[in-house]
């Protein structure tokens, strides 16, 4: 059931989040800058997730290559180890970045 590419992942994120209570109580804005694939802004407001393609102002920016991002979302790569190896970069609110694991 894994996504084949970042666009497919982000297009299905709202539906997957709505079917889960994992984002409950979370309020944050993320910009995902996926090298080679594009940029998506993800807003979480009291557990409700909305996704827009493109760059908007965000509290936390997550940057990765398309390959690394897909390995993380498909469970083939641990996000923390990718960060430690420099394959995943985080700018802004690091606390919000840690909470992101709730959505995946």
PDB file of N, CA and C in Angstrom:
ATOM      1  N   UNK A   1       0.828  -1.193   0.000  1.00  0.00           N
ATOM      2  CA  UNK A   1       0.000   0.000   0.000  1.00  0.00           C
ATOM      3  C   UNK A   1       0.871   1.255   0.000  1.00  0.00           C
ATOM      4  N   UNK A   2       2.188   1.099  -0.112  1.00  0.00           N
ATOM      5  CA  UNK A   2       3.065   2.255  -0.083  1.00  0.00           C
ATOM      6  C   UNK A   2       2.912   3.130  -1.310  1.00  0.00           C
ATOM      7  N   UNK A   3       3.241   4.411  -1.127  1.00  0.00           N
ATOM      8  CA  UNK A   3       3.178   5.360  -2.237  1.00  0.00           C
ATOM      9  C   UNK A   3       4.331   5.079  -3.201  1.00  0.00           C
ATOM     10  N   UNK A   4       4.092   5.347  -4.470  1.00  0.00           N
ATOM     11  CA  UNK A   4       5.131   5.141  -5.474  1.00  0.00           C
ATOM     12  C   UNK A   4       5.986   6.374  -5.683  1.00  0.00           C
ATOM     13  N   UNK A   5       5.436   7.560  -5.361  1.00  0.00           N
ATOM     14  CA  UNK A   5       6.192   8.799  -5.529  1.00  0.00           C
ATOM     15  C   UNK A   5       5.661   9.840  -4.547  1.00  0.00           C
ATOM     16  N   UNK A   6       6.407  10.936  -4.334  1.00  0.00           N
ATOM     17  CA  UNK A   6       5.963  11.946  -3.370  1.00  0.00           C
ATOM     18  C   UNK A   6       4.584  12.525  -3.679  1.00  0.00           C
ATOM     19  N   UNK A   7       4.282  12.783  -4.947  1.00  0.00           N
ATOM     20  CA  UNK A   7       2.974  13.345  -5.304  1.00  0.00           C
ATOM     21  C   UNK A   7       1.856  12.417  -4.827  1.00  0.00           C
ATOM     22  N   UNK A   8       1.997  11.130  -5.085  1.00  0.00           N
ATOM     23  CA  UNK A   8       0.992  10.153  -4.666  1.00  0.00           C
ATOM     24  C   UNK A   8       0.859  10.146  -3.137  1.00  0.00           C
ATOM     25  N   UNK A   9       1.986  10.231  -2.441  1.00  0.00           N
ATOM     26  CA  UNK A   9       1.956  10.265  -0.978  1.00  0.00           C
ATOM     27  C   UNK A   9       1.165  11.476  -0.481  1.00  0.00           C
ATOM     28  N   UNK A  10       1.501  12.673  -0.998  1.00  0.00           N
ATOM     29  CA  UNK A  10       0.841  13.889  -0.515  1.00  0.00           C
ATOM     30  C   UNK A  10      -0.620  13.959  -0.937  1.00  0.00           C
ATOM     31  N   UNK A  11      -0.957  13.438  -2.130  1.00  0.00           N
ATOM     32  CA  UNK A  11      -2.349  13.448  -2.575  1.00  0.00           C
ATOM     33  C   UNK A  11      -3.233  12.584  -1.671  1.00  0.00           C
ATOM     34  N   UNK A  12      -2.676  11.562  -1.074  1.00  0.00           N
ATOM     35  CA  UNK A  12      -3.458  10.684  -0.200  1.00  0.00           C
ATOM     36  C   UNK A  12      -3.345  11.000   1.281  1.00  0.00           C
ATOM     37  N   UNK A  13      -2.514  11.978   1.639  1.00  0.00           N
ATOM     38  CA  UNK A  13      -2.249  12.257   3.053  1.00  0.00           C
ATOM     39  C   UNK A  13      -3.490  12.727   3.810  1.00  0.00           C
ATOM     40  N   UNK A  14      -4.283  13.618   3.224  1.00  0.00           N
ATOM     41  CA  UNK A  14      -5.475  14.119   3.913  1.00  0.00           C
ATOM     42  C   UNK A  14      -6.430  12.978   4.243  1.00  0.00           C
ATOM     43  N   UNK A  15      -6.642  12.094   3.286  1.00  0.00           N
ATOM     44  CA  UNK A  15      -7.555  10.967   3.484  1.00  0.00           C
ATOM     45  C   UNK A  15      -7.031  10.029   4.561  1.00  0.00           C
ATOM     46  N   UNK A  16      -5.737   9.710   4.511  1.00  0.00           N
ATOM     47  CA  UNK A  16      -5.162   8.815   5.517  1.00  0.00           C
ATOM     48  C   UNK A  16      -5.217   9.437   6.901  1.00  0.00           C
ATOM     49  N   UNK A  17      -4.937  10.734   7.006  1.00  0.00           N
ATOM     50  CA  UNK A  17      -4.951  11.410   8.303  1.00  0.00           C
ATOM     51  C   UNK A  17      -6.362  11.479   8.867  1.00  0.00           C
ATOM     52  N   UNK A  18      -7.364  11.684   7.990  1.00  0.00           N
ATOM     53  CA  UNK A  18      -8.759  11.772   8.439  1.00  0.00           C
ATOM     54  C   UNK A  18      -9.229  10.443   9.011  1.00  0.00           C
ATOM     55  N   UNK A  19      -8.669   9.352   8.528  1.00  0.00           N
ATOM     56  CA  UNK A  19      -9.066   8.022   8.988  1.00  0.00           C
ATOM     57  C   UNK A  19      -8.315   7.608  10.256  1.00  0.00           C
ATOM     58  N   UNK A  20      -7.456   8.475  10.736  1.00  0.00           N
ATOM     59  CA  UNK A  20      -6.625   8.168  11.901  1.00  0.00           C
ATOM     60  C   UNK A  20      -6.747   9.269  12.935  1.00  0.00           C
ATOM     61  N   UNK A  21      -6.526   8.924  14.181  1.00  0.00           N
ATOM     62  CA  UNK A  21      -6.549   9.942  15.235  1.00  0.00           C
ATOM     63  C   UNK A  21      -5.133  10.325  15.644  1.00  0.00           C
ATOM     64  N   UNK A  22      -4.130   9.904  14.870  1.00  0.00           N
ATOM     65  CA  UNK A  22      -2.730  10.137  15.233  1.00  0.00           C
ATOM     66  C   UNK A  22      -2.356  11.608  15.293  1.00  0.00           C
ATOM     67  N   UNK A  23      -3.016  12.453  14.504  1.00  0.00           N
ATOM     68  CA  UNK A  23      -2.658  13.883  14.455  1.00  0.00           C
ATOM     69  C   UNK A  23      -3.477  14.703  15.452  1.00  0.00           C
ATOM     70  N   UNK A  24      -4.332  14.064  16.233  1.00  0.00           N
ATOM     71  CA  UNK A  24      -5.192  14.784  17.181  1.00  0.00           C
ATOM     72  C   UNK A  24      -4.365  15.650  18.122  1.00  0.00           C
ATOM     73  N   UNK A  25      -4.775  16.890  18.279  1.00  0.00           N
ATOM     74  CA  UNK A  25      -4.087  17.810  19.184  1.00  0.00           C
ATOM     75  C   UNK A  25      -2.856  18.467  18.597  1.00  0.00           C
ATOM     76  N   UNK A  26      -2.461  18.091  17.398  1.00  0.00           N
ATOM     77  CA  UNK A  26      -1.264  18.661  16.770  1.00  0.00           C
ATOM     78  C   UNK A  26      -1.651  19.878  15.948  1.00  0.00           C
ATOM     79  N   UNK A  27      -0.908  20.964  16.130  1.00  0.00           N
ATOM     80  CA  UNK A  27      -1.094  22.191  15.359  1.00  0.00           C
ATOM     81  C   UNK A  27       0.270  22.620  14.845  1.00  0.00           C
ATOM     82  N   UNK A  28       0.484  22.496  13.549  1.00  0.00           N
ATOM     83  CA  UNK A  28       1.789  22.824  12.980  1.00  0.00           C
ATOM     84  C   UNK A  28       1.671  22.992  11.473  1.00  0.00           C
ATOM     85  N   UNK A  29       2.666  23.681  10.897  1.00  0.00           N
ATOM     86  CA  UNK A  29       2.731  23.848   9.449  1.00  0.00           C
ATOM     87  C   UNK A  29       4.105  23.387   8.982  1.00  0.00           C
ATOM     88  N   UNK A  30       4.108  22.524   7.961  1.00  0.00           N
ATOM     89  CA  UNK A  30       5.338  21.953   7.433  1.00  0.00           C
ATOM     90  C   UNK A  30       5.469  22.251   5.946  1.00  0.00           C
ATOM     91  N   UNK A  31       6.689  22.524   5.528  1.00  0.00           N
ATOM     92  CA  UNK A  31       7.001  22.610   4.111  1.00  0.00           C
ATOM     93  C   UNK A  31       7.922  21.443   3.800  1.00  0.00           C
ATOM     94  N   UNK A  32       7.499  20.595   2.868  1.00  0.00           N
ATOM     95  CA  UNK A  32       8.323  19.484   2.421  1.00  0.00           C
ATOM     96  C   UNK A  32       8.937  19.878   1.093  1.00  0.00           C
ATOM     97  N   UNK A  33      10.260  19.953   1.065  1.00  0.00           N
ATOM     98  CA  UNK A  33      11.004  20.298  -0.144  1.00  0.00           C
ATOM     99  C   UNK A  33      11.699  19.015  -0.609  1.00  0.00           C
ATOM    100  N   UNK A  34      11.083  18.338  -1.555  1.00  0.00           N
ATOM    101  CA  UNK A  34      11.583  17.045  -2.019  1.00  0.00           C
ATOM    102  C   UNK A  34      12.332  17.254  -3.328  1.00  0.00           C
ATOM    103  N   UNK A  35      13.653  17.168  -3.247  1.00  0.00           N
ATOM    104  CA  UNK A  35      14.508  17.428  -4.395  1.00  0.00           C
ATOM    105  C   UNK A  35      14.156  16.487  -5.539  1.00  0.00           C
ATOM    106  N   UNK A  36      13.869  17.061  -6.686  1.00  0.00           N
ATOM    107  CA  UNK A  36      13.539  16.269  -7.854  1.00  0.00           C
ATOM    108  C   UNK A  36      12.062  15.961  -7.993  1.00  0.00           C
ATOM    109  N   UNK A  37      11.239  16.336  -6.988  1.00  0.00           N
ATOM    110  CA  UNK A  37       9.816  15.998  -7.046  1.00  0.00           C
ATOM    111  C   UNK A  37       8.908  17.206  -6.857  1.00  0.00           C
ATOM    112  N   UNK A  38       9.310  18.174  -6.033  1.00  0.00           N
ATOM    113  CA  UNK A  38       8.485  19.352  -5.802  1.00  0.00           C
ATOM    114  C   UNK A  38       8.411  19.737  -4.344  1.00  0.00           C
ATOM    115  N   UNK A  39       7.492  20.657  -4.062  1.00  0.00           N
ATOM    116  CA  UNK A  39       7.304  21.167  -2.699  1.00  0.00           C
ATOM    117  C   UNK A  39       5.828  21.071  -2.336  1.00  0.00           C
ATOM    118  N   UNK A  40       5.568  20.707  -1.099  1.00  0.00           N
ATOM    119  CA  UNK A  40       4.208  20.615  -0.586  1.00  0.00           C
ATOM    120  C   UNK A  40       4.152  21.242   0.798  1.00  0.00           C
ATOM    121  N   UNK A  41       3.069  21.971   1.076  1.00  0.00           N
ATOM    122  CA  UNK A  41       2.846  22.549   2.397  1.00  0.00           C
ATOM    123  C   UNK A  41       1.755  21.732   3.076  1.00  0.00           C
ATOM    124  N   UNK A  42       2.055  21.272   4.286  1.00  0.00           N
ATOM    125  CA  UNK A  42       1.117  20.461   5.058  1.00  0.00           C
ATOM    126  C   UNK A  42       0.772  21.225   6.328  1.00  0.00           C
ATOM    127  N   UNK A  43      -0.522  21.507   6.508  1.00  0.00           N
ATOM    128  CA  UNK A  43      -1.004  22.181   7.714  1.00  0.00           C
ATOM    129  C   UNK A  43      -1.778  21.179   8.551  1.00  0.00           C
ATOM    130  N   UNK A  44      -1.469  21.174   9.845  1.00  0.00           N
ATOM    131  CA  UNK A  44      -2.209  20.330  10.778  1.00  0.00           C
ATOM    132  C   UNK A  44      -2.827  21.269  11.799  1.00  0.00           C
ATOM    133  N   UNK A  45      -4.159  21.298  11.835  1.00  0.00           N
ATOM    134  CA  UNK A  45      -4.874  22.154  12.768  1.00  0.00           C
ATOM    135  C   UNK A  45      -5.817  21.289  13.578  1.00  0.00           C
ATOM    136  N   UNK A  46      -5.431  21.102  14.854  1.00  0.00           N
ATOM    137  CA  UNK A  46      -6.220  20.281  15.761  1.00  0.00           C
ATOM    138  C   UNK A  46      -6.510  18.910  15.163  1.00  0.00           C
ATOM    139  N   UNK A  47      -5.502  18.331  14.539  1.00  0.00           N
ATOM    140  CA  UNK A  47      -5.615  16.996  13.987  1.00  0.00           C
ATOM    141  C   UNK A  47      -6.126  16.933  12.558  1.00  0.00           C
ATOM    142  N   UNK A  48      -6.665  18.034  12.021  1.00  0.00           N
ATOM    143  CA  UNK A  48      -7.152  18.048  10.637  1.00  0.00           C
ATOM    144  C   UNK A  48      -5.984  18.425   9.723  1.00  0.00           C
ATOM    145  N   UNK A  49      -5.742  17.588   8.746  1.00  0.00           N
ATOM    146  CA  UNK A  49      -4.598  17.776   7.848  1.00  0.00           C
ATOM    147  C   UNK A  49      -5.060  18.317   6.503  1.00  0.00           C
ATOM    148  N   UNK A  50      -4.380  19.371   6.037  1.00  0.00           N
ATOM    149  CA  UNK A  50      -4.629  19.874   4.686  1.00  0.00           C
ATOM    150  C   UNK A  50      -3.291  19.966   3.959  1.00  0.00           C
ATOM    151  N   UNK A  51      -3.318  19.652   2.675  1.00  0.00           N
ATOM    152  CA  UNK A  51      -2.102  19.609   1.869  1.00  0.00           C
ATOM    153  C   UNK A  51      -2.296  20.493   0.646  1.00  0.00           C
ATOM    154  N   UNK A  52      -1.288  21.320   0.363  1.00  0.00           N
ATOM    155  CA  UNK A  52      -1.309  22.141  -0.856  1.00  0.00           C
ATOM    156  C   UNK A  52       0.036  21.988  -1.539  1.00  0.00           C
ATOM    157  N   UNK A  53      -0.019  21.802  -2.836  1.00  0.00           N
ATOM    158  CA  UNK A  53       1.236  21.735  -3.580  1.00  0.00           C
ATOM    159  C   UNK A  53       1.794  23.145  -3.689  1.00  0.00           C
ATOM    160  N   UNK A  54       3.089  23.268  -3.508  1.00  0.00           N
ATOM    161  CA  UNK A  54       3.747  24.563  -3.593  1.00  0.00           C
ATOM    162  C   UNK A  54       4.305  24.988  -2.255  1.00  0.00           C
ATOM    163  N   UNK A  55       5.026  26.091  -2.292  1.00  0.00           N
ATOM    164  CA  UNK A  55       5.718  26.590  -1.102  1.00  0.00           C
ATOM    165  C   UNK A  55       4.909  27.693  -0.451  1.00  0.00           C
ATOM    166  N   UNK A  56       4.599  27.510   0.824  1.00  0.00           N
ATOM    167  CA  UNK A  56       3.944  28.525   1.640  1.00  0.00           C
ATOM    168  C   UNK A  56       4.758  28.674   2.911  1.00  0.00           C
ATOM    169  N   UNK A  57       4.472  29.713   3.661  1.00  0.00           N
ATOM    170  CA  UNK A  57       5.172  29.921   4.918  1.00  0.00           C
ATOM    171  C   UNK A  57       4.886  28.757   5.859  1.00  0.00           C
ATOM    172  N   UNK A  58       5.928  28.251   6.501  1.00  0.00           N
ATOM    173  CA  UNK A  58       5.781  27.106   7.394  1.00  0.00           C
ATOM    174  C   UNK A  58       6.711  27.254   8.587  1.00  0.00           C
ATOM    175  N   UNK A  59       6.319  26.655   9.695  1.00  0.00           N
ATOM    176  CA  UNK A  59       7.141  26.693  10.913  1.00  0.00           C
ATOM    177  C   UNK A  59       8.339  25.757  10.801  1.00  0.00           C
ATOM    178  N   UNK A  60       8.160  24.673  10.045  1.00  0.00           N
ATOM    179  CA  UNK A  60       9.204  23.662   9.925  1.00  0.00           C
ATOM    180  C   UNK A  60       9.368  23.260   8.462  1.00  0.00           C
ATOM    181  N   UNK A  61      10.602  23.232   7.986  1.00  0.00           N
ATOM    182  CA  UNK A  61      10.889  22.811   6.617  1.00  0.00           C
ATOM    183  C   UNK A  61      11.665  21.503   6.662  1.00  0.00           C
ATOM    184  N   UNK A  62      11.176  20.524   5.912  1.00  0.00           N
ATOM    185  CA  UNK A  62      11.815  19.217   5.813  1.00  0.00           C
ATOM    186  C   UNK A  62      12.331  19.086   4.382  1.00  0.00           C
ATOM    187  N   UNK A  63      13.617  18.821   4.225  1.00  0.00           N
ATOM    188  CA  UNK A  63      14.214  18.674   2.893  1.00  0.00           C
ATOM    189  C   UNK A  63      14.864  17.301   2.775  1.00  0.00           C
ATOM    190  N   UNK A  64      14.643  16.671   1.629  1.00  0.00           N
ATOM    191  CA  UNK A  64      15.254  15.366   1.369  1.00  0.00           C
ATOM    192  C   UNK A  64      15.213  15.114  -0.130  1.00  0.00           C
ATOM    193  N   UNK A  65      16.013  14.147  -0.568  1.00  0.00           N
ATOM    194  CA  UNK A  65      15.927  13.713  -1.962  1.00  0.00           C
ATOM    195  C   UNK A  65      14.653  12.886  -2.108  1.00  0.00           C
ATOM    196  N   UNK A  66      14.199  12.734  -3.333  1.00  0.00           N
ATOM    197  CA  UNK A  66      13.009  11.919  -3.582  1.00  0.00           C
ATOM    198  C   UNK A  66      13.239  10.488  -3.094  1.00  0.00           C
ATOM    199  N   UNK A  67      14.406   9.941  -3.350  1.00  0.00           N
ATOM    200  CA  UNK A  67      14.730   8.575  -2.944  1.00  0.00           C
ATOM    201  C   UNK A  67      14.655   8.416  -1.422  1.00  0.00           C
ATOM    202  N   UNK A  68      15.293   9.317  -0.694  1.00  0.00           N
ATOM    203  CA  UNK A  68      15.286   9.236   0.772  1.00  0.00           C
ATOM    204  C   UNK A  68      13.877   9.408   1.314  1.00  0.00           C
ATOM    205  N   UNK A  69      13.131  10.392   0.799  1.00  0.00           N
ATOM    206  CA  UNK A  69      11.774  10.636   1.274  1.00  0.00           C
ATOM    207  C   UNK A  69      10.900   9.398   1.077  1.00  0.00           C
ATOM    208  N   UNK A  70      10.971   8.780  -0.089  1.00  0.00           N
ATOM    209  CA  UNK A  70      10.143   7.610  -0.366  1.00  0.00           C
ATOM    210  C   UNK A  70      10.529   6.435   0.520  1.00  0.00           C
ATOM    211  N   UNK A  71      11.811   6.275   0.803  1.00  0.00           N
ATOM    212  CA  UNK A  71      12.234   5.202   1.710  1.00  0.00           C
ATOM    213  C   UNK A  71      11.660   5.433   3.110  1.00  0.00           C
ATOM    214  N   UNK A  72      11.619   6.687   3.556  1.00  0.00           N
ATOM    215  CA  UNK A  72      11.077   6.997   4.877  1.00  0.00           C
ATOM    216  C   UNK A  72       9.577   6.707   4.914  1.00  0.00           C
ATOM    217  N   UNK A  73       8.809   7.232   3.953  1.00  0.00           N
ATOM    218  CA  UNK A  73       7.352   7.057   3.996  1.00  0.00           C
ATOM    219  C   UNK A  73       6.934   5.607   3.758  1.00  0.00           C
ATOM    220  N   UNK A  74       7.764   4.829   3.089  1.00  0.00           N
ATOM    221  CA  UNK A  74       7.436   3.419   2.859  1.00  0.00           C
ATOM    222  C   UNK A  74       8.034   2.498   3.919  1.00  0.00           C
ATOM    223  N   UNK A  75       8.613   3.094   4.973  1.00  0.00           N
ATOM    224  CA  UNK A  75       9.117   2.300   6.089  1.00  0.00           C
ATOM    225  C   UNK A  75      10.433   1.592   5.836  1.00  0.00           C
ATOM    226  N   UNK A  76      11.157   1.996   4.802  1.00  0.00           N
ATOM    227  CA  UNK A  76      12.429   1.354   4.481  1.00  0.00           C
ATOM    228  C   UNK A  76      13.620   2.101   5.081  1.00  0.00           C
ATOM    229  N   UNK A  77      13.380   3.299   5.605  1.00  0.00           N
ATOM    230  CA  UNK A  77      14.449   4.141   6.166  1.00  0.00           C
ATOM    231  C   UNK A  77      13.896   4.826   7.399  1.00  0.00           C
ATOM    232  N   UNK A  78      14.640   4.809   8.480  1.00  0.00           N
ATOM    233  CA  UNK A  78      14.253   5.503   9.697  1.00  0.00           C
ATOM    234  C   UNK A  78      14.550   6.990   9.530  1.00  0.00           C
ATOM    235  N   UNK A  79      13.562   7.851   9.836  1.00  0.00           N
ATOM    236  CA  UNK A  79      13.731   9.295   9.660  1.00  0.00           C
ATOM    237  C   UNK A  79      14.854   9.844  10.527  1.00  0.00           C
ATOM    238  N   UNK A  80      14.969   9.358  11.749  1.00  0.00           N
ATOM    239  CA  UNK A  80      16.016   9.848  12.647  1.00  0.00           C
ATOM    240  C   UNK A  80      17.392   9.496  12.118  1.00  0.00           C
ATOM    241  N   UNK A  81      17.571   8.273  11.644  1.00  0.00           N
ATOM    242  CA  UNK A  81      18.893   7.904  11.117  1.00  0.00           C
ATOM    243  C   UNK A  81      19.183   8.660   9.824  1.00  0.00           C
ATOM    244  N   UNK A  82      18.155   8.917   8.999  1.00  0.00           N
ATOM    245  CA  UNK A  82      18.361   9.709   7.777  1.00  0.00           C
ATOM    246  C   UNK A  82      18.821  11.118   8.145  1.00  0.00           C
ATOM    247  N   UNK A  83      18.233  11.683   9.193  1.00  0.00           N
ATOM    248  CA  UNK A  83      18.625  13.009   9.673  1.00  0.00           C
ATOM    249  C   UNK A  83      20.074  12.987  10.158  1.00  0.00           C
ATOM    250  N   UNK A  84      20.409  11.976  10.943  1.00  0.00           N
ATOM    251  CA  UNK A  84      21.769  11.879  11.498  1.00  0.00           C
ATOM    252  C   UNK A  84      22.818  11.702  10.399  1.00  0.00           C
ATOM    253  N   UNK A  85      22.433  11.060   9.288  1.00  0.00           N
ATOM    254  CA  UNK A  85      23.365  10.848   8.174  1.00  0.00           C
ATOM    255  C   UNK A  85      23.375  12.035   7.212  1.00  0.00           C
ATOM    256  N   UNK A  86      22.547  13.054   7.472  1.00  0.00           N
ATOM    257  CA  UNK A  86      22.507  14.230   6.609  1.00  0.00           C
ATOM    258  C   UNK A  86      21.654  14.051   5.363  1.00  0.00           C
ATOM    259  N   UNK A  87      20.898  12.967   5.285  1.00  0.00           N
ATOM    260  CA  UNK A  87      20.046  12.725   4.123  1.00  0.00           C
ATOM    261  C   UNK A  87      18.697  13.432   4.241  1.00  0.00           C
ATOM    262  N   UNK A  88      18.353  13.824   5.458  1.00  0.00           N
ATOM    263  CA  UNK A  88      17.107  14.531   5.749  1.00  0.00           C
ATOM    264  C   UNK A  88      17.492  15.780   6.527  1.00  0.00           C
ATOM    265  N   UNK A  89      17.050  16.938   6.048  1.00  0.00           N
ATOM    266  CA  UNK A  89      17.401  18.196   6.710  1.00  0.00           C
ATOM    267  C   UNK A  89      16.139  18.836   7.279  1.00  0.00           C
ATOM    268  N   UNK A  90      16.280  19.430   8.463  1.00  0.00           N
ATOM    269  CA  UNK A  90      15.154  20.084   9.132  1.00  0.00           C
ATOM    270  C   UNK A  90      15.567  21.499   9.494  1.00  0.00           C
ATOM    271  N   UNK A  91      14.717  22.473   9.100  1.00  0.00           N
ATOM    272  CA  UNK A  91      14.934  23.863   9.495  1.00  0.00           C
ATOM    273  C   UNK A  91      13.679  24.325  10.218  1.00  0.00           C
ATOM    274  N   UNK A  92      13.880  25.144  11.240  1.00  0.00           N
ATOM    275  CA  UNK A  92      12.726  25.676  11.956  1.00  0.00           C
ATOM    276  C   UNK A  92      12.473  24.933  13.249  1.00  0.00           C
ATOM    277  N   UNK A  93      11.213  24.693  13.555  1.00  0.00           N
ATOM    278  CA  UNK A  93      10.787  24.115  14.825  1.00  0.00           C
ATOM    279  C   UNK A  93      11.080  22.609  14.869  1.00  0.00           C
ATOM    280  N   UNK A  94      12.146  22.251  15.569  1.00  0.00           N
ATOM    281  CA  UNK A  94      12.561  20.849  15.655  1.00  0.00           C
ATOM    282  C   UNK A  94      11.535  20.016  16.439  1.00  0.00           C
ATOM    283  N   UNK A  95      10.871  20.620  17.413  1.00  0.00           N
ATOM    284  CA  UNK A  95       9.837  19.914  18.167  1.00  0.00           C
ATOM    285  C   UNK A  95       8.716  19.452  17.260  1.00  0.00           C
ATOM    286  N   UNK A  96       8.313  20.329  16.334  1.00  0.00           N
ATOM    287  CA  UNK A  96       7.271  19.946  15.372  1.00  0.00           C
ATOM    288  C   UNK A  96       7.752  18.820  14.469  1.00  0.00           C
ATOM    289  N   UNK A  97       9.023  18.852  14.115  1.00  0.00           N
ATOM    290  CA  UNK A  97       9.570  17.791  13.258  1.00  0.00           C
ATOM    291  C   UNK A  97       9.468  16.446  13.968  1.00  0.00           C
ATOM    292  N   UNK A  98       9.728  16.430  15.267  1.00  0.00           N
ATOM    293  CA  UNK A  98       9.650  15.181  16.026  1.00  0.00           C
ATOM    294  C   UNK A  98       8.207  14.662  16.066  1.00  0.00           C
ATOM    295  N   UNK A  99       7.247  15.570  16.121  1.00  0.00           N
ATOM    296  CA  UNK A  99       5.831  15.178  16.163  1.00  0.00           C
ATOM    297  C   UNK A  99       5.337  14.634  14.832  1.00  0.00           C
ATOM    298  N   UNK A 100       6.084  14.923  13.762  1.00  0.00           N
ATOM    299  CA  UNK A 100       5.691  14.491  12.421  1.00  0.00           C
ATOM    300  C   UNK A 100       5.544  12.975  12.321  1.00  0.00           C
ATOM    301  N   UNK A 101       6.305  12.260  13.105  1.00  0.00           N
ATOM    302  CA  UNK A 101       6.255  10.800  13.036  1.00  0.00           C
ATOM    303  C   UNK A 101       4.848  10.295  13.326  1.00  0.00           C
ATOM    304  N   UNK A 102       4.041  11.086  14.037  1.00  0.00           N
ATOM    305  CA  UNK A 102       2.662  10.706  14.327  1.00  0.00           C
ATOM    306  C   UNK A 102       1.846  10.573  13.041  1.00  0.00           C
ATOM    307  N   UNK A 103       2.183  11.375  12.032  1.00  0.00           N
ATOM    308  CA  UNK A 103       1.401  11.380  10.791  1.00  0.00           C
ATOM    309  C   UNK A 103       1.739  10.231   9.853  1.00  0.00           C
ATOM    310  N   UNK A 104       2.914   9.640  10.029  1.00  0.00           N
ATOM    311  CA  UNK A 104       3.357   8.626   9.059  1.00  0.00           C
ATOM    312  C   UNK A 104       3.113   7.218   9.560  1.00  0.00           C
TER     313      UNK A 104
END
